[in-house]
Protein backbone atom coordinates (compact mmCIF):
# COMPACT_ATOMS: atom_id res chain seq x y z
CA MET A 1 71.23 75.11 117.25
CA GLY A 2 69.15 78.27 117.78
CA ALA A 3 65.36 78.77 116.80
CA TYR A 4 66.42 82.09 115.15
CA ASP A 5 68.75 81.18 112.81
CA PRO A 6 69.68 77.53 111.99
CA THR A 7 73.47 77.62 111.64
CA SER A 8 74.18 80.09 114.89
CA TYR A 9 73.79 79.40 118.74
CA SER A 10 73.26 82.98 119.54
CA ASP A 11 69.73 84.69 119.43
CA PRO A 12 69.73 88.15 118.78
CA ARG A 13 66.12 88.69 120.17
CA GLU A 14 67.76 88.52 123.50
CA ALA A 15 70.65 91.09 123.62
CA LYS A 16 71.58 92.39 120.07
CA ILE A 17 75.43 93.22 118.84
CA GLN A 18 75.75 96.90 118.68
CA HIS A 19 79.73 97.58 118.76
CA ILE A 20 82.70 95.59 118.20
CA ASP A 21 85.74 96.87 118.87
CA ILE A 22 89.02 94.52 118.25
CA ASN A 23 92.65 94.62 119.48
CA TRP A 24 94.94 91.70 118.20
CA THR A 25 98.73 90.79 117.55
CA VAL A 26 99.52 88.56 114.77
CA ASP A 27 101.96 85.79 115.61
CA PHE A 28 103.17 83.83 111.99
CA SER A 29 105.45 81.79 114.50
CA ARG A 30 102.34 80.42 116.35
CA LYS A 31 99.68 81.12 114.03
CA VAL A 32 97.51 82.55 116.08
CA LEU A 33 95.97 85.90 116.55
CA SER A 34 95.55 86.95 120.18
CA GLY A 35 94.36 89.92 122.20
CA TYR A 36 91.33 90.81 122.97
CA VAL A 37 87.20 91.66 121.92
CA ASP A 38 84.89 94.41 123.54
CA LEU A 39 80.95 93.30 122.63
CA LYS A 40 79.26 95.88 123.03
CA PHE A 41 75.19 94.97 123.25
CA LYS A 42 71.75 96.09 123.46
CA SER A 43 69.26 93.68 125.85
CA LYS A 44 66.07 92.48 124.12
CA LYS A 45 64.60 91.23 127.02
CA ASP A 46 64.12 92.02 130.63
CA ASN A 47 65.96 89.84 133.34
CA LEU A 48 68.79 88.43 131.06
CA SER A 49 70.62 86.35 132.92
CA SER A 50 72.87 84.77 130.53
CA LEU A 51 73.99 85.21 127.00
CA ILE A 52 75.00 82.90 124.41
CA LEU A 53 77.82 83.59 121.30
CA ASP A 54 78.65 81.44 119.12
CA SER A 55 82.90 80.46 118.85
CA LYS A 56 85.02 77.84 117.18
CA ASP A 57 88.31 76.62 118.75
CA LEU A 58 89.04 79.91 120.75
CA ALA A 59 91.17 79.90 123.89
CA ILE A 60 89.03 81.81 125.87
CA HIS A 61 91.09 83.27 129.03
CA LYS A 62 88.54 85.49 130.60
CA ILE A 63 85.73 87.82 130.31
CA THR A 64 84.69 90.60 132.36
CA ASP A 65 81.60 93.33 132.33
CA GLY A 66 83.97 96.05 133.58
CA LYS A 67 82.66 95.23 136.92
CA ALA A 68 83.56 91.70 137.80
CA ASP A 69 85.05 88.55 136.05
CA LEU A 70 82.00 86.73 134.89
CA LYS A 71 81.89 82.71 134.73
CA PHE A 72 81.37 81.03 131.45
CA LYS A 73 81.08 77.59 129.75
CA ILE A 74 82.47 76.13 126.34
CA LYS A 75 80.03 73.31 125.27
CA GLU A 76 80.38 70.66 123.54
CA ARG A 77 82.18 71.07 119.84
CA HIS A 78 80.48 70.38 116.48
CA ALA A 79 82.59 70.14 113.49
CA ALA A 80 81.32 72.71 111.62
CA PHE A 81 79.00 74.92 114.04
CA GLY A 82 81.50 74.69 116.83
CA SER A 83 80.54 75.38 120.59
CA PRO A 84 78.34 77.60 121.95
CA LEU A 85 79.99 79.84 124.72
CA GLN A 86 77.28 80.21 127.65
CA ILE A 87 78.17 83.64 129.50
CA ASP A 88 76.69 83.99 133.31
CA PHE A 89 75.94 87.34 134.63
CA VAL A 90 76.76 88.41 137.91
CA ASP A 91 73.23 91.02 137.87
CA SER A 92 70.49 90.35 135.10
CA VAL A 93 70.22 92.59 132.21
CA LYS A 94 67.13 94.97 131.99
CA GLN A 95 65.17 95.74 128.74
CA ASP A 96 67.00 97.97 126.72
CA GLU A 97 69.60 97.87 128.68
CA GLU A 98 73.45 97.97 126.92
CA PHE A 99 76.32 96.26 128.46
CA THR A 100 79.79 95.74 126.60
CA LEU A 101 82.02 91.91 127.30
CA HIS A 102 85.29 92.23 127.22
CA ILE A 103 86.91 88.89 126.16
CA GLU A 104 90.27 88.24 126.19
CA TYR A 105 90.99 85.25 123.46
CA GLU A 106 93.63 83.92 121.08
CA THR A 107 92.53 81.79 118.04
CA SER A 108 93.28 78.30 116.92
CA SER A 109 96.31 77.78 115.14
CA SER A 110 93.64 75.99 112.86
CA CYS A 111 91.28 78.67 112.90
CA SER A 112 89.27 77.84 110.32
CA ALA A 113 88.81 81.54 109.19
CA LEU A 114 92.32 81.86 108.72
CA GLN A 115 95.30 81.04 105.70
CA TRP A 116 98.52 81.57 107.11
CA LEU A 117 101.24 81.03 103.96
CA ASP A 118 104.76 80.28 104.45
CA ALA A 119 107.01 82.62 102.80
CA GLU A 120 107.34 80.28 100.09
CA GLN A 121 104.28 80.05 98.97
CA THR A 122 103.85 84.03 98.10
CA ALA A 123 105.20 85.85 94.54
CA GLY A 124 108.25 87.57 96.44
CA GLN A 125 108.75 84.10 98.49
CA LYS A 126 110.31 86.76 101.51
CA TYR A 127 107.58 87.31 103.87
CA PRO A 128 104.89 85.44 105.18
CA TYR A 129 101.32 86.24 104.73
CA LEU A 130 98.17 85.77 106.45
CA PHE A 131 94.23 86.41 105.23
CA SER A 132 90.79 85.00 106.43
CA GLN A 133 87.31 84.07 105.04
CA CYS A 134 84.62 84.44 107.39
CA GLN A 135 82.07 83.66 105.15
CA ALA A 136 79.53 81.74 105.98
CA ILE A 137 80.00 80.56 109.69
CA HIS A 138 83.78 80.98 110.38
CA ALA A 139 84.17 84.48 112.18
CA ARG A 140 83.20 82.25 115.09
CA SER A 141 86.59 80.77 114.71
CA LEU A 142 88.29 84.50 114.50
CA LEU A 143 86.16 85.63 117.93
CA PRO A 144 83.74 85.03 119.81
CA CYS A 145 80.32 86.71 118.29
CA GLN A 146 76.43 86.63 117.51
CA ASP A 147 77.91 84.52 113.87
CA SER A 148 74.37 85.17 112.03
CA PRO A 149 74.00 87.81 108.72
CA SER A 150 71.07 88.66 110.85
CA ALA A 151 73.00 90.63 113.48
CA LYS A 152 74.88 93.40 112.27
CA ALA A 153 77.25 95.77 114.12
CA THR A 154 79.70 98.78 113.18
CA TYR A 155 83.69 97.77 114.54
CA THR A 156 86.68 99.10 115.25
CA ALA A 157 89.95 97.31 115.31
CA LYS A 158 93.80 97.63 116.11
CA VAL A 159 96.17 94.71 114.81
CA THR A 160 100.21 94.89 115.02
CA VAL A 161 102.00 93.18 112.85
CA GLN A 162 105.80 92.56 112.35
CA HIS A 163 107.72 95.34 110.50
CA PRO A 164 107.74 95.27 107.01
CA LEU A 165 104.35 93.66 106.94
CA VAL A 166 101.24 95.53 106.31
CA ALA A 167 97.63 95.20 107.86
CA LEU A 168 94.61 95.85 106.12
CA MET A 169 90.88 95.12 106.98
CA SER A 170 87.53 95.43 105.72
CA ALA A 171 87.37 99.23 107.54
CA VAL A 172 89.04 102.43 106.44
CA GLN A 173 92.57 102.69 107.92
CA CYS A 174 92.61 105.42 110.45
CA TRP A 175 96.25 105.66 111.11
CA ASP A 176 99.38 103.49 111.80
CA LYS A 177 102.23 103.83 114.48
CA ALA A 178 105.63 102.53 114.95
CA GLY A 179 106.49 100.52 117.95
CA LYS A 180 108.80 97.86 119.66
CA GLY A 181 108.05 93.71 120.70
CA GLU A 182 109.79 92.86 123.83
CA ASN A 183 112.96 91.45 122.09
CA GLY A 184 112.76 94.83 119.96
CA GLU A 185 111.85 94.01 117.52
CA LYS A 186 110.16 96.41 115.20
CA LEU A 187 106.52 96.42 114.80
CA MET A 188 103.49 98.59 113.43
CA THR A 189 100.26 98.92 114.67
CA TYR A 190 97.24 99.70 112.94
CA LYS A 191 94.20 101.33 113.47
CA PHE A 192 90.75 100.59 111.40
CA GLU A 193 87.06 102.32 111.97
CA GLN A 194 83.75 100.45 109.78
CA LYS A 195 81.33 103.07 110.60
CA VAL A 196 78.65 100.78 108.45
CA PRO A 197 76.50 98.57 110.34
CA MET A 198 77.66 94.76 108.90
CA SER A 199 77.20 90.73 109.57
CA SER A 200 80.27 88.79 111.00
CA TYR A 201 80.83 86.81 108.11
CA LEU A 202 81.85 90.66 106.56
CA ILE A 203 85.19 91.15 109.06
CA ALA A 204 88.15 90.51 107.04
CA ILE A 205 92.06 90.68 107.69
CA VAL A 206 95.01 90.56 105.54
CA VAL A 207 98.83 90.82 106.86
CA GLY A 208 101.21 90.53 104.48
CA LEU A 209 104.30 92.56 102.27
CA LEU A 210 101.55 94.81 99.99
CA LYS A 211 101.89 97.77 98.07
CA SER A 212 99.08 99.37 96.45
CA ARG A 213 98.27 101.95 93.30
CA GLU A 214 95.56 104.54 93.27
CA ILE A 215 92.92 103.33 90.49
CA GLY A 216 89.91 106.06 90.98
CA PRO A 217 88.84 108.74 93.73
CA ARG A 218 88.16 106.15 95.94
CA SER A 219 89.69 103.09 95.25
CA LYS A 220 93.54 101.35 95.47
CA VAL A 221 94.28 98.11 94.49
CA TRP A 222 97.09 96.18 96.73
CA SER A 223 98.86 93.12 96.44
CA GLU A 224 102.39 92.26 96.25
CA LYS A 225 104.92 94.32 94.25
CA GLU A 226 105.13 91.44 91.54
CA LEU A 227 101.10 91.74 90.81
CA VAL A 228 99.95 95.20 91.42
CA ASP A 229 100.84 97.15 88.25
CA LYS A 230 99.21 94.48 86.36
CA ALA A 231 96.63 94.54 88.77
CA ALA A 232 95.96 98.57 88.77
CA LEU A 233 95.81 98.09 84.52
CA GLU A 234 93.18 95.28 84.65
CA PHE A 235 90.79 97.19 87.51
CA SER A 236 91.28 100.09 86.06
CA GLU A 237 87.31 100.38 84.83
CA THR A 238 86.27 100.38 89.03
CA GLU A 239 85.38 103.78 89.81
CA GLN A 240 82.80 103.43 86.11
CA MET A 241 81.51 100.74 87.88
CA ILE A 242 80.47 102.01 91.49
CA ALA A 243 79.13 105.14 89.62
CA ALA A 244 76.97 103.12 87.11
CA GLY A 245 76.21 100.97 90.81
CA GLU A 246 75.18 104.80 92.00
CA LYS A 247 72.86 105.56 89.28
CA LEU A 248 71.19 101.97 89.46
CA VAL A 249 70.67 101.93 93.21
CA GLY A 250 71.73 104.77 95.41
CA PRO A 251 74.95 106.42 97.04
CA TYR A 252 77.42 104.12 97.91
CA VAL A 253 77.82 104.27 101.23
CA TRP A 254 81.27 102.72 102.69
CA GLY A 255 83.71 105.58 101.31
CA GLN A 256 86.44 103.71 100.49
CA TYR A 257 86.49 100.51 97.52
CA ASP A 258 89.37 99.14 97.60
CA LEU A 259 90.72 95.86 95.60
CA LEU A 260 93.14 92.93 97.13
CA VAL A 261 94.26 90.43 94.56
CA LEU A 262 95.46 87.96 97.30
CA PRO A 263 97.49 85.16 96.42
CA PRO A 264 96.18 81.74 94.28
CA SER A 265 95.33 79.60 97.38
CA PHE A 266 91.73 82.31 97.50
CA PRO A 267 89.59 79.86 97.27
CA TYR A 268 86.72 82.43 95.49
CA GLY A 269 86.56 84.58 92.45
CA GLY A 270 85.75 87.70 94.90
CA MET A 271 84.50 88.38 98.48
CA GLU A 272 82.65 91.39 98.87
CA ASN A 273 84.31 92.60 102.03
CA PRO A 274 83.67 96.57 102.65
CA CYS A 275 86.21 98.73 101.79
CA LEU A 276 88.32 96.03 100.97
CA THR A 277 87.01 93.45 98.47
CA PHE A 278 89.10 90.10 97.50
CA VAL A 279 89.75 88.95 94.28
CA THR A 280 91.48 85.56 93.00
CA PRO A 281 94.68 86.78 90.59
CA THR A 282 92.93 84.32 88.15
CA LEU A 283 90.94 87.78 87.15
CA LEU A 284 94.16 88.89 85.77
CA ALA A 285 93.71 88.01 82.32
CA GLY A 286 95.53 90.84 80.55
CA ASP A 287 92.70 92.29 78.74
CA LYS A 288 90.03 93.34 81.41
CA SER A 289 87.71 89.97 80.08
CA LEU A 290 87.33 88.88 83.17
CA ALA A 291 86.51 92.40 85.35
CA ASN A 292 82.65 91.08 85.45
CA VAL A 293 83.69 89.78 88.90
CA VAL A 294 84.71 93.53 90.25
CA ALA A 295 81.60 94.08 88.74
CA HIS A 296 79.82 91.68 90.88
CA GLU A 297 81.60 92.64 94.19
CA ILE A 298 80.75 96.05 93.95
CA ALA A 299 77.22 95.45 93.67
CA HIS A 300 77.47 93.54 96.72
CA SER A 301 77.96 96.92 98.60
CA TRP A 302 74.37 97.45 97.95
CA THR A 303 72.95 93.75 97.89
CA GLY A 304 74.43 91.86 100.63
CA ASN A 305 76.24 94.14 102.53
CA LEU A 306 73.88 96.84 102.37
CA VAL A 307 70.61 94.90 102.73
CA THR A 308 71.72 91.07 104.06
CA ASN A 309 70.12 88.11 103.76
CA HIS A 310 68.50 87.25 107.53
CA THR A 311 69.61 83.72 107.22
CA TRP A 312 71.87 81.47 104.89
CA GLU A 313 69.10 79.86 103.75
CA ASP A 314 67.98 83.04 101.91
CA PHE A 315 71.28 83.36 100.72
CA TRP A 316 69.75 83.79 96.81
CA LEU A 317 68.64 87.38 98.13
CA ASN A 318 72.23 88.25 98.55
CA GLU A 319 73.84 86.39 95.38
CA GLY A 320 70.68 86.20 92.57
CA HIS A 321 70.32 90.31 93.18
CA THR A 322 73.70 90.92 92.97
CA VAL A 323 74.36 88.94 89.70
CA PHE A 324 71.10 90.97 88.63
CA LEU A 325 73.03 94.05 89.83
CA GLU A 326 76.39 93.05 88.67
CA ARG A 327 74.83 92.33 84.84
CA LYS A 328 73.30 96.09 84.92
CA ILE A 329 76.42 97.40 85.97
CA ILE A 330 77.90 96.16 83.01
CA CYS A 331 75.04 96.91 80.69
CA GLU A 332 75.86 100.53 81.67
CA LEU A 333 79.09 100.41 80.68
CA PHE A 334 78.56 98.06 77.46
CA ASP A 335 75.19 97.25 76.42
CA ASP A 336 71.71 95.05 77.00
CA LYS A 337 72.71 92.43 74.43
CA PHE A 338 75.69 91.60 76.50
CA ARG A 339 74.33 91.78 79.86
CA GLN A 340 71.80 89.34 77.80
CA PHE A 341 74.60 87.29 76.46
CA GLN A 342 76.15 87.11 80.07
CA ALA A 343 73.24 85.66 81.41
CA PHE A 344 72.23 82.98 78.63
CA ASN A 345 76.25 82.10 79.26
CA GLY A 346 75.46 81.76 83.04
CA LEU A 347 72.82 79.04 82.36
CA LYS A 348 75.27 76.61 81.54
CA ASP A 349 77.14 77.32 84.88
CA LEU A 350 73.57 76.16 86.71
CA HIS A 351 72.64 73.53 84.17
CA GLN A 352 75.87 71.92 85.07
CA TYR A 353 75.96 72.33 88.80
CA ILE A 354 72.18 71.07 89.49
CA GLU A 355 73.80 67.85 87.17
CA THR A 356 76.99 67.58 90.23
CA PHE A 357 73.94 68.05 92.66
CA GLY A 358 71.67 65.86 91.30
CA LYS A 359 68.73 67.38 89.87
CA ASP A 360 66.18 66.31 92.73
CA SER A 361 68.77 67.79 95.62
CA PRO A 362 67.35 69.83 98.25
CA PHE A 363 70.59 72.17 97.29
CA THR A 364 69.19 72.71 93.90
CA HIS A 365 66.32 74.80 95.96
CA LEU A 366 66.68 78.55 96.03
CA VAL A 367 65.62 78.79 99.29
CA VAL A 368 67.59 76.02 100.54
CA ASN A 369 66.67 73.70 104.72
CA LEU A 370 70.10 74.37 106.61
CA ASP A 371 68.48 72.71 109.41
CA GLY A 372 72.03 70.57 110.96
CA VAL A 373 73.64 71.60 107.38
CA ASP A 374 77.44 73.17 106.97
CA PRO A 375 76.16 76.03 104.72
CA ASP A 376 79.72 75.67 103.25
CA ASP A 377 77.96 72.22 101.94
CA ALA A 378 75.24 73.59 100.13
CA PHE A 379 77.58 76.34 98.77
CA SER A 380 76.92 76.66 94.55
CA PRO A 381 76.42 79.11 91.81
CA ILE A 382 72.59 77.90 91.79
CA PRO A 383 71.53 80.82 94.25
CA TYR A 384 73.29 83.21 92.08
CA GLU A 385 71.81 81.84 88.27
CA LYS A 386 68.66 80.63 89.84
CA GLY A 387 68.02 83.77 91.80
CA HIS A 388 69.72 85.72 88.83
CA THR A 389 66.68 84.09 86.56
CA LEU A 390 63.67 84.73 88.80
CA LEU A 391 64.46 88.69 88.90
CA PHE A 392 65.04 88.77 85.06
CA HIS A 393 61.91 86.70 85.12
CA LEU A 394 59.82 88.91 87.40
CA GLU A 395 61.31 92.48 85.25
CA THR A 396 60.16 91.08 82.01
CA LEU A 397 56.70 90.18 83.34
CA LEU A 398 55.83 93.89 84.64
CA GLY A 399 57.05 95.61 82.17
CA GLY A 400 60.84 95.90 81.45
CA PRO A 401 63.88 97.68 82.73
CA SER A 402 61.71 100.87 83.34
CA GLU A 403 59.62 99.38 85.62
CA PHE A 404 61.99 97.01 87.37
CA GLU A 405 64.62 99.28 88.05
CA PRO A 406 62.91 101.32 90.36
CA PHE A 407 61.54 98.26 92.80
CA LEU A 408 65.12 96.97 92.75
CA ARG A 409 66.14 100.94 93.94
CA SER A 410 63.24 100.63 96.38
CA TYR A 411 64.30 97.51 98.09
CA ILE A 412 67.55 99.15 98.40
CA ASP A 413 66.25 102.02 100.37
CA LYS A 414 63.71 100.29 102.71
CA TYR A 415 65.84 97.63 104.01
CA LYS A 416 70.00 99.29 103.94
CA PHE A 417 71.25 98.46 107.10
CA GLU A 418 68.91 95.43 107.71
CA SER A 419 68.80 91.79 107.30
CA VAL A 420 65.54 90.52 105.11
CA SER A 421 64.18 87.25 104.65
CA THR A 422 62.56 86.17 101.45
CA SER A 423 58.99 86.32 102.95
CA GLN A 424 59.69 89.86 103.67
CA TRP A 425 60.97 90.36 100.16
CA LYS A 426 58.06 88.63 98.92
CA ASP A 427 55.78 90.96 100.77
CA HIS A 428 57.32 94.10 99.21
CA LEU A 429 57.31 93.18 95.82
CA TYR A 430 53.68 92.33 96.44
CA GLU A 431 53.42 95.90 97.89
CA PHE A 432 55.48 98.30 95.07
CA PHE A 433 53.74 96.28 92.36
CA SER A 434 50.41 96.38 94.05
CA SER A 435 48.63 97.19 91.01
CA LYS A 436 50.37 94.56 89.23
CA LYS A 437 49.13 91.64 91.50
CA ALA A 438 47.17 89.35 89.03
CA VAL A 439 50.57 89.17 87.39
CA LEU A 440 52.46 88.09 90.25
CA ASP A 441 49.85 85.92 91.24
CA SER A 442 50.51 83.86 88.24
CA LEU A 443 53.84 82.98 89.09
CA ASP A 444 53.71 79.32 90.23
CA TRP A 445 56.28 80.67 93.81
CA ASN A 446 56.72 77.39 95.33
CA ALA A 447 58.08 75.67 92.04
CA TRP A 448 60.57 79.02 92.32
CA PHE A 449 61.27 78.89 95.58
CA HIS A 450 61.18 75.31 96.98
CA THR A 451 61.34 72.83 94.30
CA PRO A 452 64.54 71.68 92.74
CA GLY A 453 66.18 71.46 89.28
CA MET A 454 66.43 73.86 86.60
CA PRO A 455 64.08 77.27 87.21
CA PRO A 456 60.11 76.69 86.43
CA VAL A 457 60.70 79.28 83.29
CA ILE A 458 63.85 80.33 81.53
CA PRO A 459 63.28 83.75 79.81
CA GLU A 460 63.69 84.30 76.41
CA TYR A 461 67.43 86.21 76.41
CA ASP A 462 68.61 87.90 73.38
CA GLN A 463 71.12 85.34 71.63
CA THR A 464 72.72 87.58 68.84
CA LEU A 465 76.19 87.25 70.48
CA SER A 466 75.44 83.72 71.10
CA THR A 467 74.25 82.36 67.72
CA GLU A 468 77.51 82.49 65.60
CA CYS A 469 78.99 80.34 68.79
CA THR A 470 75.68 78.08 68.76
CA ALA A 471 76.11 77.32 64.94
CA LEU A 472 79.93 76.91 65.54
CA ALA A 473 79.44 74.76 68.38
CA GLU A 474 76.57 72.55 67.06
CA LYS A 475 78.90 71.73 63.77
CA TRP A 476 81.87 70.45 65.93
CA ALA A 477 79.38 68.13 67.37
CA LYS A 478 77.87 66.73 63.79
CA THR A 479 81.24 66.61 62.05
CA ALA A 480 82.66 62.72 62.37
CA THR A 481 86.52 62.44 62.79
CA ASN A 482 87.21 61.77 59.03
CA ASP A 483 85.87 65.39 58.02
CA LEU A 484 87.51 67.28 60.93
CA GLY A 485 89.52 69.38 58.20
CA VAL A 486 86.84 71.59 57.50
CA PHE A 487 87.59 73.49 60.42
CA LYS A 488 90.12 76.58 60.28
CA ALA A 489 91.34 79.25 62.62
CA LYS A 490 89.14 81.96 60.75
CA ASP A 491 86.03 80.30 62.71
CA ILE A 492 86.80 82.12 66.08
CA LYS A 493 88.74 85.00 64.72
CA HIS A 494 86.37 87.64 65.47
CA PHE A 495 85.15 86.09 68.67
CA SER A 496 85.16 88.26 72.05
CA SER A 497 86.80 86.36 74.93
CA TRP A 498 82.77 86.00 76.11
CA GLN A 499 82.44 84.08 72.84
CA LYS A 500 84.67 81.41 73.42
CA ILE A 501 83.80 80.84 76.66
CA GLU A 502 79.92 80.19 75.60
CA PHE A 503 81.50 78.23 72.89
CA LEU A 504 83.45 75.79 75.05
CA GLY A 505 80.53 75.89 77.46
CA GLN A 506 78.25 74.36 75.01
CA LEU A 507 80.30 72.13 73.77
CA LEU A 508 80.30 70.71 77.56
CA LEU A 509 76.71 69.97 77.77
CA LYS A 510 77.12 68.06 75.03
CA ASP A 511 78.22 64.41 74.47
CA PRO A 512 81.87 64.01 74.94
CA PHE A 513 84.14 64.07 71.92
CA THR A 514 86.85 62.08 70.20
CA SER A 515 90.66 62.61 71.08
CA SER A 516 90.80 63.40 67.66
CA HIS A 517 88.42 66.19 68.00
CA ILE A 518 90.65 67.80 70.91
CA SER A 519 93.70 67.50 68.65
CA THR A 520 91.96 69.39 65.83
CA MET A 521 90.42 71.74 67.79
CA ASP A 522 93.34 72.68 69.29
CA SER A 523 95.25 72.62 66.44
CA CYS A 524 92.85 75.48 65.05
CA TYR A 525 92.04 77.40 67.97
CA ARG A 526 95.73 77.12 70.37
CA PHE A 527 92.71 77.07 72.95
CA SER A 528 96.00 75.48 75.39
CA LYS A 529 98.02 78.86 74.80
CA ILE A 530 95.20 81.24 76.03
CA ASN A 531 95.65 82.57 79.88
CA ASN A 532 92.00 83.97 80.40
CA SER A 533 91.21 81.30 83.14
CA GLU A 534 87.94 80.70 82.36
CA ILE A 535 88.53 79.72 78.63
CA LYS A 536 91.32 77.56 79.68
CA PHE A 537 89.31 75.95 82.84
CA ARG A 538 86.21 74.91 79.98
CA TRP A 539 89.21 73.83 77.60
CA LEU A 540 90.60 71.69 80.09
CA ARG A 541 87.19 70.07 80.80
CA LEU A 542 86.23 68.98 77.49
CA GLY A 543 89.78 67.30 77.29
CA ILE A 544 89.32 65.42 80.38
CA ARG A 545 85.71 64.40 79.37
CA ALA A 546 87.50 63.32 75.78
CA ARG A 547 90.03 60.79 77.13
CA TYR A 548 92.27 63.50 76.00
CA GLU A 549 95.74 62.25 77.43
CA PRO A 550 97.43 65.64 76.82
CA SER A 551 94.91 67.20 79.13
CA ILE A 552 95.88 65.42 82.38
CA ARG A 553 98.88 67.38 82.88
CA PRO A 554 97.73 71.08 82.77
CA ALA A 555 94.44 70.38 83.82
CA LEU A 556 96.11 68.84 87.31
CA GLN A 557 98.28 71.80 87.41
CA MET A 558 95.74 74.29 87.06
CA ALA A 559 93.45 72.57 89.78
CA THR A 560 96.70 73.16 92.34
CA ASP A 561 98.23 76.08 91.04
CA GLN A 562 95.60 78.24 92.12
CA GLY A 563 92.49 77.03 94.48
CA ARG A 564 89.66 79.01 93.22
CA MET A 565 86.91 76.84 94.00
CA LYS A 566 84.70 77.22 90.68
CA PHE A 567 87.28 75.53 88.68
CA THR A 568 89.45 73.63 91.02
CA ARG A 569 86.50 71.32 92.08
CA PRO A 570 85.37 70.18 88.79
CA LEU A 571 89.28 69.24 87.45
CA PHE A 572 89.58 67.13 90.82
CA ARG A 573 86.03 65.81 89.81
CA ASP A 574 86.68 64.98 86.22
CA LEU A 575 90.22 63.85 86.89
CA GLY A 576 88.74 61.22 89.51
CA GLY A 577 86.47 60.27 87.14
CA TRP A 578 88.54 58.54 84.55
CA ASP A 579 91.09 55.51 85.92
CA LYS A 580 93.98 56.68 84.00
CA SER A 581 94.09 60.28 85.75
CA ARG A 582 92.31 59.31 89.14
CA ASP A 583 95.51 57.61 90.99
CA VAL A 584 97.63 60.58 89.90
CA ALA A 585 95.17 62.95 90.75
CA ILE A 586 94.63 61.91 94.26
CA ASP A 587 98.43 61.86 94.75
CA HIS A 588 98.65 65.00 93.22
CA PHE A 589 96.36 66.58 95.73
CA LYS A 590 97.64 64.93 99.02
CA LYS A 591 101.20 66.42 97.78
CA ASN A 592 99.62 70.14 97.39
CA LYS A 593 96.66 69.62 100.54
CA ALA A 594 98.93 71.81 103.11
CA LYS A 595 98.90 74.35 100.61
CA MET A 596 95.51 74.68 100.14
CA HIS A 597 92.51 76.62 101.76
CA ASN A 598 90.98 74.61 104.67
CA THR A 599 87.49 74.67 103.04
CA THR A 600 88.94 73.65 99.64
CA ALA A 601 90.63 70.80 100.75
CA GLN A 602 87.61 69.29 102.46
CA HIS A 603 85.40 69.80 99.70
CA ILE A 604 88.03 68.05 96.97
CA GLU A 605 88.46 64.85 99.57
CA LYS A 606 84.95 64.33 99.24
CA ASP A 607 84.58 65.21 95.44
CA LEU A 608 87.41 62.70 95.03
CA LYS A 609 85.25 60.63 98.00
CA LEU A 610 88.84 59.63 99.70
């Protein structure tokens, strides 16, 4: 792999991408994107005679530099990293010289960045659907590129689709034009422009029968028509969240902020594609209780998209800062007690994922080593919550929000439009708090960055909102089967959705309950009737752990009706670990594998040890 980034063959120190111009035709019958890309570079060294780009399963037809056809070689393929694409120049390039490569190609029908859905897999069931997911290293299967977060570029694109399908990208739409294909079919071409330099993993495309509703002065929500009104209500607070982010860390530079509610197979809660955040339909709880995920994706507009981790080894810089800023935005809309309540709640997710990897696993380090490692294999909420814990601890040590928030803004101002490493972040922290060097020196930085397991320090979060949850969880844990009649529906009558999530999360950290406990709990609290996905997920896991057979069918259903890995993978792991449900879980997975996102299916195969 490249010496610059362990997950990329390219080296931006030789020549760095400046601008990308894409021209694609979307072919649903063959499941490919075909066309060309123009890549504009600036040479960083003298006498540059060749260039290596990242590629994966691309059919390259022709490469020119505008003057001559260039020789190229697609080298040996690696299952995760794809193939180095070596391009040889006719004349060597001088330092600081700009040059453009015109590459005619098409993607593979098995392109790992794309999921093609048949009409039957959509809500409307009349037209097919396409969406991309390039994070972490799948952009190379979409186009030849420098597929490292350290290489940023602006981009323009033209995308041609069959009418009445609509194309959207992680950019601002400039225009659309009608046309006709070779067989007289009606086509639509959409033009997009992204003026802010961004990493390749943020290139995104979606094509479907999409409708939109305005939800703010710079925001629309998009989805299939069956969900668009529900989504508009759910995400009506979007502009307030953007404004809260601007108050904390400066102007929103991307112009438009739209949301796209994807079909259920989307593997993540959200993806922060600039100008067009992708979100899962599992957020549509009906009461805005899960809109914090939107606050998270909005926060990425600064931490992740504007200031980006240098490589995927520094992923915590993206996600730890984004969770921290997300909770600051929530604090602006609610109060600091709720912010700290969510942070306390997040510690349980952190603990569970560390248990899943193993507390000694190098993947539980804050800064991970990815030499020879597919970053998808290292992906988890650990950098999110462990990173947030470090930032909250620093805020407490360094004088509270009034002292730490100015640092956060200065970090954004210093590194905007760039990528940053952990060492650069730490250097800026010391520079900003130069008068508090002794405080910073008191931290065990090696323990925070390079030691596995839980963080070396757990902050003392305000637990006002969790006290009732803790008391009730303790009561359930200590009550024998014969005494379960003490529990009543009124126990949780005044609980918010997040308190119910916290209560169930605490129960999951305790020894497994009996089937009688689960049955009685459902009779009292009716958790099995709640549609909030976060509550349902924890409730079903609690049932499987208790070997409560009525949990098997709804757990299988939730594991396959949606593909959000946060829910799907733990449910399949739990079902696969119980002899009564393992065979049916494997059978259910095999029947539904074709409908799943490629990344999700690969992980579940490993989770089930198939």
